[in-house]
């Protein structure tokens, strides 16, 4: 007698792009069976014959993909920097604004002044926008606190965002984002403070899933980042790095030595950098929103990344200054139009490769048996349309861990 498959829910009436191994791998007239929040069956609906399901859902058309993963955001912050956007349009550079106390420093001031409740309210609005665009998992970085008290405040707000929302959040400590005013001219001493006081407490409280830094002329040197990374690694915290955004400092190669989960931006990455991350298995996270807003012209080395089979993820970099982006699908389009990715690569970059950038490749990013049942049904005629439309409400239904969510 054939075994009867017991399901918590069965979803059918759609075509499916599984994104297994980062490819569409389309299944037409598909069905997905869910048990204990995981996918326990996926294939053509007609092939599923011996089963019992507590609930069945006919999605009545459309395409299902894995839930989108935004693997690089700064979603918790105080205030905004719309005035700096105007300044840049009037010819003042990002570096000049930062030198005059703007940029990250202005967000630090605003974030320190706001209460956790105020930060939570504004972050909830931004999170809702991402969820309406199909995001089921995202990373949120700190980095606008730059002191133990305020970095913890940001990370606690980020964690609490998931309490009443059907979304999964990974938190990253970005305390090495910029030099706070109280350490002006003392960048080595600030790194000492982070290594001796901030990172150990972050690790003790288990409030962050990873550690990040900004390796740049207006941030921290590779030598300073390496000290920070060595402590993070000793504490069992994986690392990520903002690297080669504005200049080539070798941060990408440094990150590869620490088996970084990801290196992000990469506009000025060299061939040596790309070879290094190809060897280490580090994910390259492309952030076309920041490239667009800053009106940059130096593009990441896409052809070389592709040639050396470096996994390329795409994220919003949602932040108040250089990428006020609240649509991951728009970033997919920008990755195609600005960086010449294909729509298939763009979808892989927000599912399969984005999961790896967060260390979630064993459980997320594709639709296959054993993976968490995170998926979205879209009102489209092909999965490539997700990179084609500029905005618009394309999402029919969003499913997180097997439960439907109306955002």
Protein backbone atom coordinates (compact mmCIF):
# COMPACT_ATOMS: atom_id res chain seq x y z
CA UNK A 1 0.00 0.00 0.00
CA UNK A 2 1.39 3.41 -0.98
CA UNK A 3 2.25 5.76 1.85
CA UNK A 4 -0.27 8.60 2.25
CA UNK A 5 1.43 11.99 2.45
CA UNK A 6 0.09 14.05 5.36
CA UNK A 7 0.18 17.80 4.74
CA UNK A 8 -0.63 20.82 6.83
CA UNK A 9 -1.43 22.66 3.59
CA UNK A 10 -1.41 22.15 -0.14
CA UNK A 11 -0.96 25.05 -2.55
CA UNK A 12 -1.75 24.61 -6.25
CA UNK A 13 -3.01 26.41 -9.34
CA UNK A 14 0.21 28.17 -10.43
CA UNK A 15 3.47 27.81 -12.31
CA UNK A 16 6.64 27.78 -10.26
CA UNK A 17 10.25 29.01 -10.63
CA UNK A 18 12.04 26.98 -7.95
CA UNK A 19 15.41 28.85 -8.25
CA UNK A 20 17.18 25.61 -7.35
CA UNK A 21 20.92 26.24 -7.80
CA UNK A 22 20.04 29.78 -8.85
CA UNK A 23 18.15 28.84 -12.02
CA UNK A 24 14.47 29.21 -12.89
CA UNK A 25 13.91 25.40 -13.15
CA UNK A 26 10.27 26.02 -13.99
CA UNK A 27 7.48 23.66 -13.01
CA UNK A 28 4.20 24.22 -14.87
CA UNK A 29 0.85 23.49 -13.20
CA UNK A 30 2.73 23.05 -9.96
CA UNK A 31 1.82 22.28 -6.37
CA UNK A 32 3.62 22.72 -3.04
CA UNK A 33 2.91 20.61 0.03
CA UNK A 34 3.80 22.03 3.45
CA UNK A 35 4.35 20.18 6.73
CA UNK A 36 5.71 21.76 9.93
CA UNK A 37 6.54 25.03 8.12
CA UNK A 38 8.73 23.23 5.56
CA UNK A 39 8.21 22.15 1.99
CA UNK A 40 7.64 18.39 2.03
CA UNK A 41 6.50 17.98 -1.58
CA UNK A 42 6.89 20.03 -4.78
CA UNK A 43 6.18 19.08 -8.37
CA UNK A 44 3.43 18.94 -10.96
CA UNK A 45 0.03 18.97 -9.30
CA UNK A 46 -1.12 16.00 -11.35
CA UNK A 47 1.69 13.88 -9.91
CA UNK A 48 0.44 14.26 -6.32
CA UNK A 49 -2.20 11.59 -5.85
CA UNK A 50 -2.03 9.95 -2.41
CA UNK A 51 -2.26 12.64 0.22
CA UNK A 52 -4.41 14.26 2.87
CA UNK A 53 -4.20 17.99 3.66
CA UNK A 54 -5.74 19.99 6.49
CA UNK A 55 -6.07 22.98 4.13
CA UNK A 56 -5.91 23.43 0.38
CA UNK A 57 -5.37 26.68 -1.49
CA UNK A 58 -6.04 27.20 -5.20
CA UNK A 59 -4.01 30.28 -6.19
CA UNK A 60 -5.84 30.49 -9.54
CA UNK A 61 -2.91 31.40 -11.74
CA UNK A 62 0.30 33.36 -11.59
CA UNK A 63 3.89 32.41 -10.86
CA UNK A 64 5.33 31.32 -7.52
CA UNK A 65 8.93 32.06 -6.57
CA UNK A 66 10.83 31.73 -3.31
CA UNK A 67 10.14 34.60 -0.93
CA UNK A 68 12.49 37.48 -1.69
CA UNK A 69 15.47 38.01 0.62
CA UNK A 70 16.87 41.51 1.18
CA UNK A 71 20.36 40.68 2.45
CA UNK A 72 21.65 44.23 3.11
CA UNK A 73 19.55 46.94 4.75
CA UNK A 74 19.98 49.72 7.31
CA UNK A 75 16.27 49.80 8.06
CA UNK A 76 16.46 51.19 11.63
CA UNK A 77 17.46 54.85 11.82
CA UNK A 78 16.34 58.24 13.04
CA UNK A 79 15.41 61.18 10.80
CA UNK A 80 16.24 61.27 7.10
CA UNK A 81 18.75 62.95 4.81
CA UNK A 82 16.57 64.35 2.05
CA UNK A 83 18.42 67.68 2.29
CA UNK A 84 21.69 65.91 1.42
CA UNK A 85 20.03 64.45 -1.65
CA UNK A 86 19.39 68.02 -2.78
CA UNK A 87 22.97 69.03 -1.97
CA UNK A 88 24.39 66.23 -4.09
CA UNK A 89 22.17 67.28 -6.97
CA UNK A 90 23.69 70.74 -6.61
CA UNK A 91 27.19 69.38 -7.07
CA UNK A 92 28.38 68.65 -3.53
CA UNK A 93 29.97 65.19 -3.25
CA UNK A 94 29.12 62.53 -0.68
CA UNK A 95 32.65 62.88 0.74
CA UNK A 96 32.28 66.68 1.07
CA UNK A 97 28.96 66.31 2.87
CA UNK A 98 30.49 63.78 5.26
CA UNK A 99 33.46 66.08 5.95
CA UNK A 100 31.06 68.83 7.08
CA UNK A 101 29.32 66.62 9.63
CA UNK A 102 26.65 65.28 7.31
CA UNK A 103 26.33 61.79 5.93
CA UNK A 104 26.46 58.99 8.45
CA UNK A 105 27.24 61.45 11.29
CA UNK A 106 23.91 63.22 10.85
CA UNK A 107 22.06 59.90 11.01
CA UNK A 108 24.01 58.97 14.13
CA UNK A 109 22.89 62.19 15.83
CA UNK A 110 19.24 61.63 14.90
CA UNK A 111 19.30 57.94 15.86
CA UNK A 112 20.86 58.60 19.24
CA UNK A 113 18.20 61.21 19.99
CA UNK A 114 15.24 58.93 19.21
CA UNK A 115 13.76 56.46 21.68
CA UNK A 116 13.44 52.76 20.84
CA UNK A 117 9.69 53.33 20.44
CA UNK A 118 10.23 56.11 17.89
CA UNK A 119 12.76 54.04 15.95
CA UNK A 120 10.39 51.09 15.93
CA UNK A 121 7.48 53.10 14.53
CA UNK A 122 9.45 54.43 11.56
CA UNK A 123 11.17 51.12 10.89
CA UNK A 124 7.82 49.31 10.84
CA UNK A 125 6.64 51.55 8.00
CA UNK A 126 9.74 50.79 5.96
CA UNK A 127 9.49 47.07 6.70
CA UNK A 128 5.85 47.01 5.58
CA UNK A 129 6.87 48.44 2.20
CA UNK A 130 9.49 45.72 1.70
CA UNK A 131 7.04 42.99 2.71
CA UNK A 132 4.45 44.28 0.26
CA UNK A 133 7.12 43.84 -2.40
CA UNK A 134 7.53 40.14 -1.62
CA UNK A 135 10.28 40.14 1.01
CA UNK A 136 10.00 37.32 3.55
CA UNK A 137 13.53 37.51 5.02
CA UNK A 138 15.90 40.42 5.48
CA UNK A 139 19.01 41.58 7.25
CA UNK A 140 19.09 44.78 9.32
CA UNK A 141 22.37 46.42 10.28
CA UNK A 142 23.12 48.72 13.18
CA UNK A 143 25.78 51.39 12.61
CA UNK A 144 23.99 54.65 13.41
CA UNK A 145 24.59 54.28 17.14
CA UNK A 146 28.40 54.00 17.29
CA UNK A 147 28.38 53.41 21.05
CA UNK A 148 27.51 50.30 22.99
CA UNK A 149 24.29 51.82 24.33
CA UNK A 150 22.96 52.97 20.98
CA UNK A 151 24.20 50.02 18.92
CA UNK A 152 22.35 47.73 21.32
CA UNK A 153 19.28 49.95 21.03
CA UNK A 154 19.29 49.60 17.25
CA UNK A 155 19.83 45.84 17.30
CA UNK A 156 17.06 45.34 19.86
CA UNK A 157 14.65 47.38 17.72
CA UNK A 158 15.64 45.34 14.67
CA UNK A 159 14.97 42.08 16.51
CA UNK A 160 11.63 43.33 17.85
CA UNK A 161 10.42 44.17 14.33
CA UNK A 162 9.87 40.49 13.69
CA UNK A 163 7.77 39.97 16.82
CA UNK A 164 4.40 40.76 15.26
CA UNK A 165 5.20 40.45 11.57
CA UNK A 166 5.46 37.41 9.33
CA UNK A 167 9.07 38.04 8.42
CA UNK A 168 12.45 36.67 9.41
CA UNK A 169 15.15 39.16 10.42
CA UNK A 170 18.89 38.62 10.72
CA UNK A 171 20.78 41.33 12.61
CA UNK A 172 24.29 42.60 11.90
CA UNK A 173 26.48 44.76 14.14
CA UNK A 174 27.95 47.53 11.98
CA UNK A 175 29.59 49.46 14.82
CA UNK A 176 32.63 50.09 12.57
CA UNK A 177 30.53 52.20 10.20
CA UNK A 178 31.98 55.65 10.88
CA UNK A 179 33.94 57.54 13.50
CA UNK A 180 31.66 59.10 16.17
CA UNK A 181 32.23 62.73 17.15
CA UNK A 182 33.57 61.79 20.57
CA UNK A 183 36.43 59.89 18.89
CA UNK A 184 37.29 62.57 16.30
CA UNK A 185 40.86 62.05 15.13
CA UNK A 186 41.15 58.84 17.18
CA UNK A 187 40.11 56.07 14.84
CA UNK A 188 42.53 53.51 16.31
CA UNK A 189 41.21 54.21 19.79
CA UNK A 190 37.65 53.75 18.54
CA UNK A 191 38.56 50.37 17.07
CA UNK A 192 40.09 49.49 20.45
CA UNK A 193 36.79 50.41 22.11
CA UNK A 194 34.82 48.25 19.68
CA UNK A 195 37.15 45.29 20.15
CA UNK A 196 37.41 45.52 23.92
CA UNK A 197 33.91 46.57 24.93
CA UNK A 198 31.31 46.54 22.15
CA UNK A 199 31.91 43.24 20.34
CA UNK A 200 32.29 41.15 23.52
CA UNK A 201 28.97 42.47 24.87
CA UNK A 202 27.23 41.99 21.52
CA UNK A 203 28.43 38.38 21.52
CA UNK A 204 27.46 37.81 25.16
CA UNK A 205 23.91 39.03 24.55
CA UNK A 206 23.62 37.10 21.27
CA UNK A 207 21.93 40.17 19.77
CA UNK A 208 23.73 40.04 16.38
CA UNK A 209 24.06 37.27 13.82
CA UNK A 210 27.11 38.82 12.12
CA UNK A 211 29.56 41.73 12.23
CA UNK A 212 30.16 44.28 9.46
CA UNK A 213 32.47 47.24 8.80
CA UNK A 214 32.89 50.08 6.29
CA UNK A 215 36.34 49.75 4.73
CA UNK A 216 36.84 53.05 2.94
CA UNK A 217 38.79 56.30 3.04
CA UNK A 218 35.90 57.93 4.93
CA UNK A 219 35.48 54.79 7.03
CA UNK A 220 38.19 52.46 8.33
CA UNK A 221 41.46 51.15 6.91
CA UNK A 222 42.03 47.49 6.07
CA UNK A 223 44.40 47.21 9.05
CA UNK A 224 41.74 48.56 11.41
CA UNK A 225 39.07 46.30 9.92
CA UNK A 226 41.34 43.30 10.31
CA UNK A 227 41.72 43.94 14.05
CA UNK A 228 37.94 44.22 14.33
CA UNK A 229 37.38 41.05 12.29
CA UNK A 230 39.91 39.06 14.31
CA UNK A 231 38.00 39.81 17.51
CA UNK A 232 34.64 39.06 15.88
CA UNK A 233 35.94 35.74 14.64
CA UNK A 234 37.34 34.87 18.07
CA UNK A 235 33.86 35.50 19.49
CA UNK A 236 32.25 33.18 16.96
CA UNK A 237 30.62 35.94 14.92
CA UNK A 238 30.73 35.67 11.10
CA UNK A 239 31.77 38.79 9.21
CA UNK A 240 30.60 40.86 6.24
CA UNK A 241 32.17 43.98 4.70
CA UNK A 242 31.24 47.18 2.88
CA UNK A 243 34.16 47.15 0.44
CA UNK A 244 35.46 48.92 -2.65
CA UNK A 245 32.48 51.27 -2.93
CA UNK A 246 34.38 54.51 -3.50
CA UNK A 247 37.99 53.35 -3.92
CA UNK A 248 40.15 50.22 -4.15
CA UNK A 249 41.61 49.51 -0.72
CA UNK A 250 41.81 45.72 -0.79
CA UNK A 251 39.01 45.23 1.70
CA UNK A 252 37.48 42.52 -0.46
CA UNK A 253 40.66 40.45 -0.41
CA UNK A 254 40.90 41.00 3.35
CA UNK A 255 37.31 39.82 3.83
CA UNK A 256 38.02 36.65 1.86
CA UNK A 257 40.76 35.71 4.35
CA UNK A 258 38.12 35.72 7.07
CA UNK A 259 35.67 33.67 4.96
CA UNK A 260 33.25 36.59 5.02
CA UNK A 261 29.63 35.78 4.30
CA UNK A 262 29.56 38.65 1.83
CA UNK A 263 31.36 41.69 0.48
CA UNK A 264 29.01 44.48 -0.54
CA UNK A 265 29.16 47.30 -3.15
CA UNK A 266 32.37 46.30 -5.04
CA UNK A 267 32.39 49.10 -7.63
CA UNK A 268 36.21 49.34 -7.39
CA UNK A 269 36.96 45.65 -6.83
CA UNK A 270 40.08 44.47 -8.65
CA UNK A 271 40.76 41.18 -10.41
CA UNK A 272 42.76 40.09 -7.36
CA UNK A 273 39.73 40.84 -5.16
CA UNK A 274 37.40 38.80 -7.34
CA UNK A 275 39.80 35.85 -7.47
CA UNK A 276 40.02 35.98 -3.67
CA UNK A 277 36.26 35.82 -3.07
CA UNK A 278 35.83 33.19 -5.77
CA UNK A 279 38.22 31.03 -3.77
CA UNK A 280 36.67 31.74 -0.37
CA UNK A 281 33.05 31.24 -1.48
CA UNK A 282 32.10 34.74 -0.35
CA UNK A 283 28.97 36.26 -1.91
CA UNK A 284 29.24 39.53 -3.86
CA UNK A 285 26.30 41.74 -2.88
CA UNK A 286 25.43 44.32 -5.53
CA UNK A 287 23.75 47.52 -4.36
CA UNK A 288 22.48 49.34 -7.46
CA UNK A 289 20.37 51.75 -5.39
CA UNK A 290 23.44 53.42 -3.91
CA UNK A 291 25.16 53.41 -7.31
CA UNK A 292 22.11 55.15 -8.79
CA UNK A 293 21.52 57.70 -6.03
CA UNK A 294 25.19 58.71 -5.86
CA UNK A 295 25.28 58.89 -9.68
CA UNK A 296 28.40 56.75 -9.78
CA UNK A 297 29.98 55.69 -13.06
CA UNK A 298 32.39 52.96 -11.90
CA UNK A 299 30.48 49.68 -12.10
CA UNK A 300 31.22 46.46 -10.25
CA UNK A 301 33.23 43.96 -12.37
CA UNK A 302 30.17 41.93 -13.36
CA UNK A 303 31.79 40.05 -16.24
CA UNK A 304 34.66 38.91 -14.04
CA UNK A 305 32.34 37.93 -11.20
CA UNK A 306 30.28 35.93 -13.68
CA UNK A 307 33.35 34.33 -15.29
CA UNK A 308 34.74 33.18 -11.94
CA UNK A 309 31.29 31.98 -10.82
CA UNK A 310 31.10 34.28 -7.81
CA UNK A 311 27.52 34.23 -6.48
CA UNK A 312 25.95 37.67 -6.97
CA UNK A 313 23.22 38.80 -4.59
CA UNK A 314 21.18 42.00 -4.89
CA UNK A 315 19.86 44.10 -2.00
CA UNK A 316 18.18 47.45 -1.39
CA UNK A 317 20.84 48.88 0.98
CA UNK A 318 17.80 50.71 2.39
CA UNK A 319 19.26 53.64 4.31
CA UNK A 320 18.56 57.35 4.87
CA UNK A 321 21.45 58.71 2.84
CA UNK A 322 22.70 56.86 -0.21
CA UNK A 323 19.91 54.39 -0.98
CA UNK A 324 16.45 55.38 0.30
CA UNK A 325 15.08 52.30 -1.46
CA UNK A 326 12.04 50.39 -0.26
CA UNK A 327 11.53 48.09 -3.24
CA UNK A 328 13.72 45.05 -3.78
CA UNK A 329 12.04 44.46 -7.15
CA UNK A 330 13.16 47.92 -8.27
CA UNK A 331 16.71 46.94 -7.31
CA UNK A 332 16.33 43.84 -9.49
CA UNK A 333 15.44 46.07 -12.43
CA UNK A 334 18.36 48.40 -11.68
CA UNK A 335 20.75 45.44 -11.50
CA UNK A 336 19.58 44.49 -14.99
CA UNK A 337 19.58 47.98 -16.53
CA UNK A 338 22.64 49.43 -14.77
CA UNK A 339 24.84 46.34 -14.25
CA UNK A 340 23.63 44.15 -17.17
CA UNK A 341 22.42 41.20 -15.13
CA UNK A 342 19.78 38.98 -16.69
CA UNK A 343 16.34 38.75 -15.07
CA UNK A 344 17.18 35.18 -14.05
CA UNK A 345 20.39 36.37 -12.37
CA UNK A 346 18.44 39.15 -10.66
CA UNK A 347 15.90 36.72 -9.22
CA UNK A 348 18.69 34.38 -8.11
CA UNK A 349 20.33 37.41 -6.50
CA UNK A 350 17.29 38.08 -4.34
CA UNK A 351 16.60 34.44 -3.46
CA UNK A 352 19.25 31.71 -3.82
CA UNK A 353 22.41 33.85 -3.53
CA UNK A 354 20.88 36.28 -1.01
CA UNK A 355 20.22 33.32 1.29
CA UNK A 356 23.91 32.38 1.13
CA UNK A 357 24.90 35.98 1.90
CA UNK A 358 23.06 35.57 5.22
CA UNK A 359 24.31 32.05 5.93
CA UNK A 360 20.82 30.66 5.27
CA UNK A 361 21.53 28.56 2.18
CA UNK A 362 20.57 25.31 3.95
CA UNK A 363 17.04 26.49 4.73
CA UNK A 364 16.09 29.39 2.43
CA UNK A 365 16.39 30.78 -1.08
CA UNK A 366 14.90 28.01 -3.21
CA UNK A 367 11.77 25.92 -3.40
CA UNK A 368 12.77 22.34 -2.66
CA UNK A 369 11.90 19.62 -0.18
CA UNK A 370 13.22 20.43 3.29
CA UNK A 371 13.44 24.19 2.82
CA UNK A 372 11.35 26.64 4.82
CA UNK A 373 8.02 27.23 3.08
CA UNK A 374 8.59 30.88 2.17
CA UNK A 375 7.13 31.75 -1.21
CA UNK A 376 5.26 34.44 -3.12
CA UNK A 377 2.66 34.12 -5.85
CA UNK A 378 2.89 36.93 -8.40
CA UNK A 379 0.31 38.17 -10.90
CA UNK A 380 2.67 37.81 -13.86
CA UNK A 381 2.95 35.72 -17.02
CA UNK A 382 6.63 34.87 -16.54
CA UNK A 383 9.19 35.19 -13.72
CA UNK A 384 11.22 37.63 -15.81
CA UNK A 385 8.47 40.21 -15.30
CA UNK A 386 9.65 40.71 -11.71
CA UNK A 387 12.65 42.60 -13.12
CA UNK A 388 10.64 44.22 -15.90
CA UNK A 389 7.95 46.24 -14.13
CA UNK A 390 9.00 49.44 -12.41
CA UNK A 391 6.78 49.29 -9.34
CA UNK A 392 3.18 48.17 -9.33
CA UNK A 393 1.37 45.75 -7.06
CA UNK A 394 2.32 42.36 -8.52
CA UNK A 395 2.05 40.23 -5.40
CA UNK A 396 -1.05 38.00 -5.15
CA UNK A 397 -0.15 36.26 -1.91
CA UNK A 398 2.87 36.03 0.36
CA UNK A 399 3.50 32.84 2.36
CA UNK A 400 5.92 32.79 5.31
CA UNK A 401 6.76 29.44 6.92
CA UNK A 402 3.64 27.96 5.35
CA UNK A 403 1.25 30.68 6.56
CA UNK A 404 -0.43 33.17 4.22
CA UNK A 405 0.25 36.80 5.04
CA UNK A 406 -1.74 39.78 3.86
CA UNK A 407 0.62 42.72 4.41
